[in-house]
Amino acid sequence: MVRPPIRATVLAGGVGAARFLDGLCRVMDPTAVTVICNVGDDFSWHGLYISPDIDTVIYSLAGLQGESGWGLRGDSGVVLEELRVLGEEPWFGIGDRDLATHIWRTEKLDGGHSLSAVTAELAQLRGLRSRILPVTDDLHPTVIETPEGKLAFQDYFVRGQASATVQGISFPGAVNARPGPGVIEAIKGADLVIVAPSNPFVSIEPLLVVPGVRDALLQTKAVRVAISPIVSGDAVKGPAAKMLVSLGHEVSALGVARLYADLVDVLVLDEIDAMLVGNVEALGLRAVACNTMMTSSERREQLARQVLRVVPH
C-alpha cells in the first residue's frame, strides 16, 4: 500500500517561519502544506492595508523575498523618496513593486472580499501550491504595553526599533475574532502541526488567542512540533530574547519549551543547546537537537527533514 503524503500545518509568523517553510516545501509535497499566518502585525499605511507576515511567507515561497527576508528582492524606493520630498517621514519601508501588492489587496478588501479570499488569490497569482490561511479575517491587532503607554505593534517594532521595554502584550480584537475559513480544520486534520521558529509572544500567541485555535491544537491527533527561535541564549532574529527577559522567562530553548509544554509533543532545539535536552524532556516533551540555523537552502531543507522524521511511519 502506498502511504498517503503527510499533511502538515504550520503556525507561522514572519521571516523565521518563511525560511523554514521554504525548506519544508522543497522536501515534501507543497500541496500537502497549509500555513496559518499571524495577522496581528497588519496595519494601515497611507490608506493601504498591509499584511507583513502573509506577504513575507508568500514572497518567500515564491522565491521573491528580499535579501533581509522581507519585501521583494531588488525592489526600488522611489515612492518613499517622493514621500520624503513631500514632507512625510516614511518610517515603514515599502518598495515600489511591493506597493502594488498592497494597492491590489486594499482594492479587493474594499470591494467586499475577505482577507482569506484575497490571500488565496494572491498565493495563486504568485504560483504557490500550498494553502496560506490568515488566522482570522477579523481585525486582530497586537498591542504592546510599555512604560510609556500602549503601542500598536508596528509603532513598537519598526518605528521604535523594538527599543521599548515590553511590560505586556494584549490582543483587544481577539474576543470577537473568528477563525478564518479552514483554520480549525487544518489543525485538526493534519498529521503534523509545526510551530515555526517565530516569536512566541507576537507571532504565535496572536494565533492561539483566536477562539478555537488553542483548543484545536490541544485536540488534534497530529504530532505537534515546535522549533525553538532561541539559540545559545539569544534570538536568531528579532526581539524575542528581550521579550522573554522583560516578561519574566528564561532566555533559552528551555524557556521556549516551558511556554509550549502543554501545546506540543516535541521541541526541536539547536545542537549547540543539546545540554538542555534532559531539562526539556523533564517537562514531558521529546527533545530533538540538530542544526536549526537556516543560513542556506540546504540547511533549511535539512531542518525540514529533521522535523518530518518525528511523524511515525
C-alpha atoms as a PDB file:
ATOM      1  CA  MET A   1       0.000   0.000   0.000  1.00  0.00           C
ATOM      2  CA  VAL A   2       1.286   3.466  -0.883  1.00  0.00           C
ATOM      3  CA  ARG A   3       1.397   5.674   2.196  1.00  0.00           C
ATOM      4  CA  PRO A   4      -0.509   8.941   1.645  1.00  0.00           C
ATOM      5  CA  PRO A   5       1.580  12.112   1.888  1.00  0.00           C
ATOM      6  CA  ILE A   6       1.980  13.736   5.270  1.00  0.00           C
ATOM      7  CA  ARG A   7      -0.419  16.626   5.782  1.00  0.00           C
ATOM      8  CA  ALA A   8       1.496  19.391   7.537  1.00  0.00           C
ATOM      9  CA  THR A   9       0.048  22.548   9.062  1.00  0.00           C
ATOM     10  CA  VAL A  10       2.453  25.297  10.100  1.00  0.00           C
ATOM     11  CA  LEU A  11       1.661  28.069  12.585  1.00  0.00           C
ATOM     12  CA  ALA A  12       3.661  30.943  11.190  1.00  0.00           C
ATOM     13  CA  GLY A  13       4.890  34.434  11.907  1.00  0.00           C
ATOM     14  CA  GLY A  14       7.324  36.272   9.650  1.00  0.00           C
ATOM     15  CA  VAL A  15      10.892  35.739   8.468  1.00  0.00           C
ATOM     16  CA  GLY A  16      11.825  32.695  10.586  1.00  0.00           C
ATOM     17  CA  ALA A  17       8.659  30.894   9.582  1.00  0.00           C
ATOM     18  CA  ALA A  18       9.109  31.847   5.936  1.00  0.00           C
ATOM     19  CA  ARG A  19      12.638  30.444   5.860  1.00  0.00           C
ATOM     20  CA  PHE A  20      11.503  27.190   7.424  1.00  0.00           C
ATOM     21  CA  LEU A  21       8.574  26.915   5.004  1.00  0.00           C
ATOM     22  CA  ASP A  22      10.930  27.399   2.081  1.00  0.00           C
ATOM     23  CA  GLY A  23      12.797  24.280   3.187  1.00  0.00           C
ATOM     24  CA  LEU A  24       9.660  22.319   4.041  1.00  0.00           C
ATOM     25  CA  CYS A  25       8.043  22.885   0.662  1.00  0.00           C
ATOM     26  CA  ARG A  26      11.239  21.710  -1.040  1.00  0.00           C
ATOM     27  CA  VAL A  27      11.309  18.344   0.754  1.00  0.00           C
ATOM     28  CA  MET A  28       7.609  17.426   0.782  1.00  0.00           C
ATOM     29  CA  ASP A  29       4.605  17.857  -1.469  1.00  0.00           C
ATOM     30  CA  PRO A  30       3.787  21.581  -1.159  1.00  0.00           C
ATOM     31  CA  THR A  31       0.108  20.879  -1.839  1.00  0.00           C
ATOM     32  CA  ALA A  32       0.055  18.997   1.484  1.00  0.00           C
ATOM     33  CA  VAL A  33       1.289  22.077   3.381  1.00  0.00           C
ATOM     34  CA  THR A  34      -1.106  24.553   4.980  1.00  0.00           C
ATOM     35  CA  VAL A  35       0.215  27.744   6.571  1.00  0.00           C
ATOM     36  CA  ILE A  36      -1.782  29.585   9.229  1.00  0.00           C
ATOM     37  CA  CYS A  37      -0.474  33.149   9.312  1.00  0.00           C
ATOM     38  CA  ASN A  38      -0.386  35.794  12.001  1.00  0.00           C
ATOM     39  CA  VAL A  39      -2.338  38.971  11.211  1.00  0.00           C
ATOM     40  CA  GLY A  40      -1.565  40.808  14.457  1.00  0.00           C
ATOM     41  CA  ASP A  41       1.076  42.862  12.604  1.00  0.00           C
ATOM     42  CA  ASP A  42      -1.419  44.057   9.969  1.00  0.00           C
ATOM     43  CA  PHE A  43      -1.981  47.811   9.805  1.00  0.00           C
ATOM     44  CA  SER A  44      -2.990  50.701   7.569  1.00  0.00           C
ATOM     45  CA  TRP A  45      -0.250  52.693   5.817  1.00  0.00           C
ATOM     46  CA  HIS A  46      -1.303  55.739   3.772  1.00  0.00           C
ATOM     47  CA  GLY A  47      -4.726  54.160   3.389  1.00  0.00           C
ATOM     48  CA  LEU A  48      -3.377  50.791   2.256  1.00  0.00           C
ATOM     49  CA  TYR A  49      -3.911  47.510   4.104  1.00  0.00           C
ATOM     50  CA  ILE A  50      -0.513  45.984   4.889  1.00  0.00           C
ATOM     51  CA  SER A  51      -0.197  42.336   5.953  1.00  0.00           C
ATOM     52  CA  PRO A  52       3.533  41.853   6.617  1.00  0.00           C
ATOM     53  CA  ASP A  53       3.631  38.227   7.754  1.00  0.00           C
ATOM     54  CA  ILE A  54       1.360  36.963   4.984  1.00  0.00           C
ATOM     55  CA  ASP A  55       3.430  38.787   2.377  1.00  0.00           C
ATOM     56  CA  THR A  56       6.720  37.545   3.823  1.00  0.00           C
ATOM     57  CA  VAL A  57       5.504  33.946   3.618  1.00  0.00           C
ATOM     58  CA  ILE A  58       4.126  34.328   0.091  1.00  0.00           C
ATOM     59  CA  TYR A  59       7.179  36.154  -1.257  1.00  0.00           C
ATOM     60  CA  SER A  60       9.495  33.574   0.290  1.00  0.00           C
ATOM     61  CA  LEU A  61       7.633  30.562  -1.093  1.00  0.00           C
ATOM     62  CA  ALA A  62       7.513  32.270  -4.485  1.00  0.00           C
ATOM     63  CA  GLY A  63      11.298  32.782  -4.365  1.00  0.00           C
ATOM     64  CA  LEU A  64      10.905  36.562  -4.448  1.00  0.00           C
ATOM     65  CA  GLN A  65      11.872  37.616  -0.926  1.00  0.00           C
ATOM     66  CA  GLY A  66      14.300  40.458  -0.331  1.00  0.00           C
ATOM     67  CA  GLU A  67      17.797  39.994   0.987  1.00  0.00           C
ATOM     68  CA  SER A  68      16.711  40.791   4.555  1.00  0.00           C
ATOM     69  CA  GLY A  69      13.911  38.223   4.396  1.00  0.00           C
ATOM     70  CA  TRP A  70      11.061  40.633   3.755  1.00  0.00           C
ATOM     71  CA  GLY A  71       9.864  42.695   0.799  1.00  0.00           C
ATOM     72  CA  LEU A  72      10.734  41.899  -2.811  1.00  0.00           C
ATOM     73  CA  ARG A  73      14.276  41.207  -3.951  1.00  0.00           C
ATOM     74  CA  GLY A  74      15.845  44.094  -5.849  1.00  0.00           C
ATOM     75  CA  ASP A  75      12.938  46.450  -5.174  1.00  0.00           C
ATOM     76  CA  SER A  76      13.359  50.214  -5.524  1.00  0.00           C
ATOM     77  CA  GLY A  77      12.328  53.014  -3.171  1.00  0.00           C
ATOM     78  CA  VAL A  78      11.220  55.849  -5.444  1.00  0.00           C
ATOM     79  CA  VAL A  79       7.834  56.252  -3.747  1.00  0.00           C
ATOM     80  CA  LEU A  80       9.444  56.545  -0.319  1.00  0.00           C
ATOM     81  CA  GLU A  81      11.853  59.168  -1.629  1.00  0.00           C
ATOM     82  CA  GLU A  82       8.983  61.165  -3.115  1.00  0.00           C
ATOM     83  CA  LEU A  83       7.108  60.986   0.190  1.00  0.00           C
ATOM     84  CA  ARG A  84      10.167  62.487   1.878  1.00  0.00           C
ATOM     85  CA  VAL A  85      10.186  65.307  -0.681  1.00  0.00           C
ATOM     86  CA  LEU A  86       6.563  65.949   0.257  1.00  0.00           C
ATOM     87  CA  GLY A  87       7.487  66.264   3.927  1.00  0.00           C
ATOM     88  CA  GLU A  88       6.432  62.814   5.071  1.00  0.00           C
ATOM     89  CA  GLU A  89       8.545  60.544   7.250  1.00  0.00           C
ATOM     90  CA  PRO A  90       8.081  57.077   5.728  1.00  0.00           C
ATOM     91  CA  TRP A  91       9.241  55.054   8.704  1.00  0.00           C
ATOM     92  CA  PHE A  92       7.893  51.807   7.261  1.00  0.00           C
ATOM     93  CA  GLY A  93       9.937  50.521   4.329  1.00  0.00           C
ATOM     94  CA  ILE A  94       7.789  49.513   1.383  1.00  0.00           C
ATOM     95  CA  GLY A  95       9.351  49.112  -2.050  1.00  0.00           C
ATOM     96  CA  ASP A  96       7.780  50.244  -5.297  1.00  0.00           C
ATOM     97  CA  ARG A  97       6.921  46.753  -6.570  1.00  0.00           C
ATOM     98  CA  ASP A  98       5.810  45.678  -3.117  1.00  0.00           C
ATOM     99  CA  LEU A  99       3.431  48.641  -3.140  1.00  0.00           C
ATOM    100  CA  ALA A 100       1.486  47.026  -5.976  1.00  0.00           C
ATOM    101  CA  THR A 101       0.563  44.125  -3.689  1.00  0.00           C
ATOM    102  CA  HIS A 102      -0.860  46.480  -1.072  1.00  0.00           C
ATOM    103  CA  ILE A 103      -2.815  48.541  -3.603  1.00  0.00           C
ATOM    104  CA  TRP A 104      -4.268  45.364  -5.110  1.00  0.00           C
ATOM    105  CA  ARG A 105      -5.130  43.868  -1.703  1.00  0.00           C
ATOM    106  CA  THR A 106      -6.753  47.067  -0.450  1.00  0.00           C
ATOM    107  CA  GLU A 107      -8.939  47.371  -3.541  1.00  0.00           C
ATOM    108  CA  LYS A 108     -10.044  43.755  -3.130  1.00  0.00           C
ATOM    109  CA  LEU A 109     -10.850  44.231   0.557  1.00  0.00           C
ATOM    110  CA  ASP A 110     -12.684  47.489  -0.127  1.00  0.00           C
ATOM    111  CA  GLY A 111     -14.680  45.601  -2.751  1.00  0.00           C
ATOM    112  CA  GLY A 112     -16.024  43.247  -0.117  1.00  0.00           C
ATOM    113  CA  HIS A 113     -13.647  40.308  -0.443  1.00  0.00           C
ATOM    114  CA  SER A 114     -12.397  38.654   2.750  1.00  0.00           C
ATOM    115  CA  LEU A 115      -8.734  38.616   3.717  1.00  0.00           C
ATOM    116  CA  SER A 116      -8.795  34.823   3.316  1.00  0.00           C
ATOM    117  CA  ALA A 117     -10.112  35.049  -0.238  1.00  0.00           C
ATOM    118  CA  VAL A 118      -7.659  37.793  -1.160  1.00  0.00           C
ATOM    119  CA  THR A 119      -4.733  35.866   0.344  1.00  0.00           C
ATOM    120  CA  ALA A 120      -5.693  32.682  -1.515  1.00  0.00           C
ATOM    121  CA  GLU A 121      -5.851  34.586  -4.799  1.00  0.00           C
ATOM    122  CA  LEU A 122      -2.536  36.322  -4.132  1.00  0.00           C
ATOM    123  CA  ALA A 123      -0.866  32.988  -3.376  1.00  0.00           C
ATOM    124  CA  GLN A 124      -2.256  31.532  -6.589  1.00  0.00           C
ATOM    125  CA  LEU A 125      -1.098  34.510  -8.639  1.00  0.00           C
ATOM    126  CA  ARG A 126       2.400  34.086  -7.176  1.00  0.00           C
ATOM    127  CA  GLY A 127       2.435  30.429  -8.219  1.00  0.00           C
ATOM    128  CA  LEU A 128       2.210  28.875  -4.758  1.00  0.00           C
ATOM    129  CA  ARG A 129       0.879  25.344  -4.379  1.00  0.00           C
ATOM    130  CA  SER A 130       0.446  25.477  -0.600  1.00  0.00           C
ATOM    131  CA  ARG A 131      -2.562  26.940   1.202  1.00  0.00           C
ATOM    132  CA  ILE A 132      -1.947  30.230   3.008  1.00  0.00           C
ATOM    133  CA  LEU A 133      -4.641  30.978   5.590  1.00  0.00           C
ATOM    134  CA  PRO A 134      -4.939  34.139   7.702  1.00  0.00           C
ATOM    135  CA  VAL A 135      -5.766  33.006  11.224  1.00  0.00           C
ATOM    136  CA  THR A 136      -8.803  35.298  11.102  1.00  0.00           C
ATOM    137  CA  ASP A 137     -10.498  37.666   8.680  1.00  0.00           C
ATOM    138  CA  ASP A 138     -11.388  39.972  11.562  1.00  0.00           C
ATOM    139  CA  LEU A 139      -9.316  42.893  12.828  1.00  0.00           C
ATOM    140  CA  HIS A 140      -6.982  41.373  15.398  1.00  0.00           C
ATOM    141  CA  PRO A 141      -4.151  43.808  16.241  1.00  0.00           C
ATOM    142  CA  THR A 142      -1.274  43.100  18.593  1.00  0.00           C
ATOM    143  CA  VAL A 143      -0.801  45.852  21.187  1.00  0.00           C
ATOM    144  CA  ILE A 144       2.486  46.275  23.058  1.00  0.00           C
ATOM    145  CA  GLU A 145       2.291  47.610  26.614  1.00  0.00           C
ATOM    146  CA  THR A 146       5.310  49.709  27.627  1.00  0.00           C
ATOM    147  CA  PRO A 147       6.186  52.131  30.461  1.00  0.00           C
ATOM    148  CA  GLU A 148       5.311  54.957  28.059  1.00  0.00           C
ATOM    149  CA  GLY A 149       1.894  53.500  27.240  1.00  0.00           C
ATOM    150  CA  LYS A 150       0.346  51.189  24.687  1.00  0.00           C
ATOM    151  CA  LEU A 151       1.818  50.952  21.198  1.00  0.00           C
ATOM    152  CA  ALA A 152       0.480  49.430  18.011  1.00  0.00           C
ATOM    153  CA  PHE A 153       2.816  46.619  17.029  1.00  0.00           C
ATOM    154  CA  GLN A 154       4.456  48.387  14.075  1.00  0.00           C
ATOM    155  CA  ASP A 155       4.962  51.537  16.152  1.00  0.00           C
ATOM    156  CA  TYR A 156       6.883  49.390  18.625  1.00  0.00           C
ATOM    157  CA  PHE A 157       8.686  47.109  16.187  1.00  0.00           C
ATOM    158  CA  VAL A 158       9.529  49.299  13.194  1.00  0.00           C
ATOM    159  CA  ARG A 159       9.053  52.942  14.170  1.00  0.00           C
ATOM    160  CA  GLY A 160      10.540  52.376  17.633  1.00  0.00           C
ATOM    161  CA  GLN A 161      13.056  49.709  16.535  1.00  0.00           C
ATOM    162  CA  ALA A 162      11.780  47.418  19.330  1.00  0.00           C
ATOM    163  CA  SER A 163      13.626  49.575  21.859  1.00  0.00           C
ATOM    164  CA  ALA A 164      10.790  49.992  24.388  1.00  0.00           C
ATOM    165  CA  THR A 165      10.579  47.688  27.389  1.00  0.00           C
ATOM    166  CA  VAL A 166       7.696  45.272  26.899  1.00  0.00           C
ATOM    167  CA  GLN A 167       5.607  45.002  30.056  1.00  0.00           C
ATOM    168  CA  GLY A 168       2.740  43.127  28.478  1.00  0.00           C
ATOM    169  CA  ILE A 169       1.093  42.191  25.202  1.00  0.00           C
ATOM    170  CA  SER A 170      -2.627  42.322  24.527  1.00  0.00           C
ATOM    171  CA  PHE A 171      -4.975  41.388  21.710  1.00  0.00           C
ATOM    172  CA  PRO A 172      -8.083  43.563  22.058  1.00  0.00           C
ATOM    173  CA  GLY A 173      -9.743  42.133  18.958  1.00  0.00           C
ATOM    174  CA  ALA A 174      -9.366  38.506  20.000  1.00  0.00           C
ATOM    175  CA  VAL A 175     -12.628  38.294  21.922  1.00  0.00           C
ATOM    176  CA  ASN A 176     -14.624  38.961  18.751  1.00  0.00           C
ATOM    177  CA  ALA A 177     -12.288  37.268  16.273  1.00  0.00           C
ATOM    178  CA  ARG A 178     -13.443  34.152  14.458  1.00  0.00           C
ATOM    179  CA  PRO A 179     -11.062  31.607  12.959  1.00  0.00           C
ATOM    180  CA  GLY A 180     -10.645  32.077   9.227  1.00  0.00           C
ATOM    181  CA  PRO A 181     -12.135  29.535   6.824  1.00  0.00           C
ATOM    182  CA  GLY A 182     -10.244  26.254   7.035  1.00  0.00           C
ATOM    183  CA  VAL A 183      -8.091  27.172  10.033  1.00  0.00           C
ATOM    184  CA  ILE A 184      -9.566  24.791  12.598  1.00  0.00           C
ATOM    185  CA  GLU A 185      -9.892  22.002  10.032  1.00  0.00           C
ATOM    186  CA  ALA A 186      -6.249  22.430   9.010  1.00  0.00           C
ATOM    187  CA  ILE A 187      -5.097  21.892  12.589  1.00  0.00           C
ATOM    188  CA  LYS A 188      -7.419  19.016  13.421  1.00  0.00           C
ATOM    189  CA  GLY A 189      -6.958  17.276  10.073  1.00  0.00           C
ATOM    190  CA  ALA A 190      -3.165  17.406   9.947  1.00  0.00           C
ATOM    191  CA  ASP A 191      -0.715  14.582  10.547  1.00  0.00           C
ATOM    192  CA  LEU A 192       1.877  17.102  11.712  1.00  0.00           C
ATOM    193  CA  VAL A 193       1.397  20.560  13.217  1.00  0.00           C
ATOM    194  CA  ILE A 194       4.554  22.654  13.331  1.00  0.00           C
ATOM    195  CA  VAL A 195       5.005  25.764  15.441  1.00  0.00           C
ATOM    196  CA  ALA A 196       7.525  27.641  13.313  1.00  0.00           C
ATOM    197  CA  PRO A 197      10.660  29.255  14.819  1.00  0.00           C
ATOM    198  CA  SER A 198       8.809  32.536  15.269  1.00  0.00           C
ATOM    199  CA  ASN A 199       8.477  34.898  18.230  1.00  0.00           C
ATOM    200  CA  PRO A 200       6.271  33.078  20.782  1.00  0.00           C
ATOM    201  CA  PHE A 201       4.662  36.302  22.021  1.00  0.00           C
ATOM    202  CA  VAL A 202       3.915  38.360  18.911  1.00  0.00           C
ATOM    203  CA  SER A 203       3.843  35.746  16.147  1.00  0.00           C
ATOM    204  CA  ILE A 204       2.459  32.552  17.707  1.00  0.00           C
ATOM    205  CA  GLU A 205       0.355  33.827  20.619  1.00  0.00           C
ATOM    206  CA  PRO A 206      -1.779  36.007  18.283  1.00  0.00           C
ATOM    207  CA  LEU A 207      -2.764  32.769  16.541  1.00  0.00           C
ATOM    208  CA  LEU A 208      -3.516  30.888  19.744  1.00  0.00           C
ATOM    209  CA  VAL A 209      -5.759  33.570  21.263  1.00  0.00           C
ATOM    210  CA  VAL A 210      -8.223  33.458  18.371  1.00  0.00           C
ATOM    211  CA  PRO A 211     -11.132  31.497  19.883  1.00  0.00           C
ATOM    212  CA  GLY A 212     -10.966  27.850  18.901  1.00  0.00           C
ATOM    213  CA  VAL A 213      -7.359  27.754  17.719  1.00  0.00           C
ATOM    214  CA  ARG A 214      -5.709  26.763  21.002  1.00  0.00           C
ATOM    215  CA  ASP A 215      -8.419  24.153  21.603  1.00  0.00           C
ATOM    216  CA  ALA A 216      -7.877  22.724  18.120  1.00  0.00           C
ATOM    217  CA  LEU A 217      -4.157  22.409  18.838  1.00  0.00           C
ATOM    218  CA  LEU A 218      -4.915  20.638  22.117  1.00  0.00           C
ATOM    219  CA  GLN A 219      -7.435  18.289  20.486  1.00  0.00           C
ATOM    220  CA  THR A 220      -5.674  17.397  17.243  1.00  0.00           C
ATOM    221  CA  LYS A 221      -4.355  13.869  16.811  1.00  0.00           C
ATOM    222  CA  ALA A 222      -1.415  15.264  14.838  1.00  0.00           C
ATOM    223  CA  VAL A 223       2.141  15.130  16.096  1.00  0.00           C
ATOM    224  CA  ARG A 224       2.830  18.657  17.351  1.00  0.00           C
ATOM    225  CA  VAL A 225       6.350  20.042  16.986  1.00  0.00           C
ATOM    226  CA  ALA A 226       7.766  23.431  17.963  1.00  0.00           C
ATOM    227  CA  ILE A 227      11.092  24.762  16.714  1.00  0.00           C
ATOM    228  CA  SER A 228      12.904  26.998  19.178  1.00  0.00           C
ATOM    229  CA  PRO A 229      13.660  30.519  17.890  1.00  0.00           C
ATOM    230  CA  ILE A 230      16.193  30.884  20.708  1.00  0.00           C
ATOM    231  CA  VAL A 231      19.699  29.545  20.104  1.00  0.00           C
ATOM    232  CA  SER A 232      22.530  29.776  22.630  1.00  0.00           C
ATOM    233  CA  GLY A 233      20.623  32.228  24.803  1.00  0.00           C
ATOM    234  CA  ASP A 234      19.627  34.699  22.101  1.00  0.00           C
ATOM    235  CA  ALA A 235      17.036  35.169  19.386  1.00  0.00           C
ATOM    236  CA  VAL A 236      18.078  34.213  15.881  1.00  0.00           C
ATOM    237  CA  LYS A 237      16.219  37.310  14.680  1.00  0.00           C
ATOM    238  CA  GLY A 238      14.028  39.981  16.259  1.00  0.00           C
ATOM    239  CA  PRO A 239      13.160  40.964  19.837  1.00  0.00           C
ATOM    240  CA  ALA A 240      12.119  37.561  21.230  1.00  0.00           C
ATOM    241  CA  ALA A 241      15.046  37.394  23.670  1.00  0.00           C
ATOM    242  CA  LYS A 242      14.336  40.862  25.070  1.00  0.00           C
ATOM    243  CA  MET A 243      10.669  39.963  25.435  1.00  0.00           C
ATOM    244  CA  LEU A 244      11.485  36.760  27.283  1.00  0.00           C
ATOM    245  CA  VAL A 245      13.549  38.780  29.764  1.00  0.00           C
ATOM    246  CA  SER A 246      11.049  41.594  30.301  1.00  0.00           C
ATOM    247  CA  LEU A 247       8.120  39.178  30.620  1.00  0.00           C
ATOM    248  CA  GLY A 248       9.929  37.043  33.194  1.00  0.00           C
ATOM    249  CA  HIS A 249      11.003  33.988  31.218  1.00  0.00           C
ATOM    250  CA  GLU A 250      14.335  32.240  30.790  1.00  0.00           C
ATOM    251  CA  VAL A 251      16.102  33.177  27.555  1.00  0.00           C
ATOM    252  CA  SER A 252      16.836  29.694  26.306  1.00  0.00           C
ATOM    253  CA  ALA A 253      15.326  26.823  24.390  1.00  0.00           C
ATOM    254  CA  LEU A 254      14.175  25.556  27.785  1.00  0.00           C
ATOM    255  CA  GLY A 255      12.303  28.812  28.324  1.00  0.00           C
ATOM    256  CA  VAL A 256      10.584  28.262  24.983  1.00  0.00           C
ATOM    257  CA  ALA A 257       9.799  24.662  25.942  1.00  0.00           C
ATOM    258  CA  ARG A 258       8.070  25.862  29.101  1.00  0.00           C
ATOM    259  CA  LEU A 259       5.896  28.232  27.066  1.00  0.00           C
ATOM    260  CA  TYR A 260       4.777  25.443  24.750  1.00  0.00           C
ATOM    261  CA  ALA A 261       4.828  22.479  27.159  1.00  0.00           C
ATOM    262  CA  ASP A 262       1.062  21.932  27.173  1.00  0.00           C
ATOM    263  CA  LEU A 263       0.676  22.517  23.431  1.00  0.00           C
ATOM    264  CA  VAL A 264       3.286  20.376  21.677  1.00  0.00           C
ATOM    265  CA  ASP A 265       4.792  16.908  21.857  1.00  0.00           C
ATOM    266  CA  VAL A 266       8.273  17.659  20.516  1.00  0.00           C
ATOM    267  CA  LEU A 267      10.687  20.580  20.784  1.00  0.00           C
ATOM    268  CA  VAL A 268      13.404  20.935  18.162  1.00  0.00           C
ATOM    269  CA  LEU A 269      16.344  22.906  19.519  1.00  0.00           C
ATOM    270  CA  ASP A 270      19.720  23.775  18.097  1.00  0.00           C
ATOM    271  CA  GLU A 271      22.572  21.321  18.586  1.00  0.00           C
ATOM    272  CA  ILE A 272      24.537  23.988  20.444  1.00  0.00           C
ATOM    273  CA  ASP A 273      21.858  23.742  23.154  1.00  0.00           C
ATOM    274  CA  ALA A 274      21.982  19.939  23.341  1.00  0.00           C
ATOM    275  CA  MET A 275      22.824  20.135  27.048  1.00  0.00           C
ATOM    276  CA  LEU A 276      19.198  21.236  27.609  1.00  0.00           C
ATOM    277  CA  VAL A 277      17.669  18.070  26.132  1.00  0.00           C
ATOM    278  CA  GLY A 278      17.259  16.426  29.536  1.00  0.00           C
ATOM    279  CA  ASN A 279      15.610  19.520  31.022  1.00  0.00           C
ATOM    280  CA  VAL A 280      13.198  19.758  28.106  1.00  0.00           C
ATOM    281  CA  GLU A 281      12.316  16.076  28.365  1.00  0.00           C
ATOM    282  CA  ALA A 282      11.678  16.527  32.103  1.00  0.00           C
ATOM    283  CA  LEU A 283       8.733  18.704  31.036  1.00  0.00           C
ATOM    284  CA  GLY A 284       7.218  15.701  29.287  1.00  0.00           C
ATOM    285  CA  LEU A 285       8.329  16.677  25.795  1.00  0.00           C
ATOM    286  CA  ARG A 286      10.521  14.803  23.371  1.00  0.00           C
ATOM    287  CA  ALA A 287      13.582  16.900  22.534  1.00  0.00           C
ATOM    288  CA  VAL A 288      15.440  16.773  19.222  1.00  0.00           C
ATOM    289  CA  ALA A 289      18.779  18.600  18.931  1.00  0.00           C
ATOM    290  CA  CYS A 290      20.007  19.437  15.439  1.00  0.00           C
ATOM    291  CA  ASN A 291      21.316  22.360  13.406  1.00  0.00           C
ATOM    292  CA  THR A 292      18.436  24.857  13.291  1.00  0.00           C
ATOM    293  CA  MET A 293      20.366  27.761  11.737  1.00  0.00           C
ATOM    294  CA  MET A 294      18.746  28.244   8.330  1.00  0.00           C
ATOM    295  CA  THR A 295      21.662  30.002   6.665  1.00  0.00           C
ATOM    296  CA  SER A 296      21.218  28.350   3.257  1.00  0.00           C
ATOM    297  CA  SER A 297      18.656  26.453   1.219  1.00  0.00           C
ATOM    298  CA  GLU A 298      20.419  23.226   2.129  1.00  0.00           C
ATOM    299  CA  ARG A 299      20.231  24.000   5.857  1.00  0.00           C
ATOM    300  CA  ARG A 300      16.527  24.816   5.563  1.00  0.00           C
ATOM    301  CA  GLU A 301      15.876  21.526   3.838  1.00  0.00           C
ATOM    302  CA  GLN A 302      17.889  19.612   6.445  1.00  0.00           C
ATOM    303  CA  LEU A 303      15.871  21.160   9.262  1.00  0.00           C
ATOM    304  CA  ALA A 304      12.605  20.389   7.490  1.00  0.00           C
ATOM    305  CA  ARG A 305      13.617  16.750   7.020  1.00  0.00           C
ATOM    306  CA  GLN A 306      14.540  16.520  10.681  1.00  0.00           C
ATOM    307  CA  VAL A 307      11.098  17.795  11.667  1.00  0.00           C
ATOM    308  CA  LEU A 308       9.348  15.390   9.289  1.00  0.00           C
ATOM    309  CA  ARG A 309      11.166  12.455  10.886  1.00  0.00           C
ATOM    310  CA  VAL A 310       9.133  12.842  14.075  1.00  0.00           C
ATOM    311  CA  VAL A 311       5.998  11.594  12.278  1.00  0.00           C
ATOM    312  CA  PRO A 312       5.601   7.813  12.788  1.00  0.00           C
ATOM    313  CA  HIS A 313       5.815   5.782   9.580  1.00  0.00           C
END
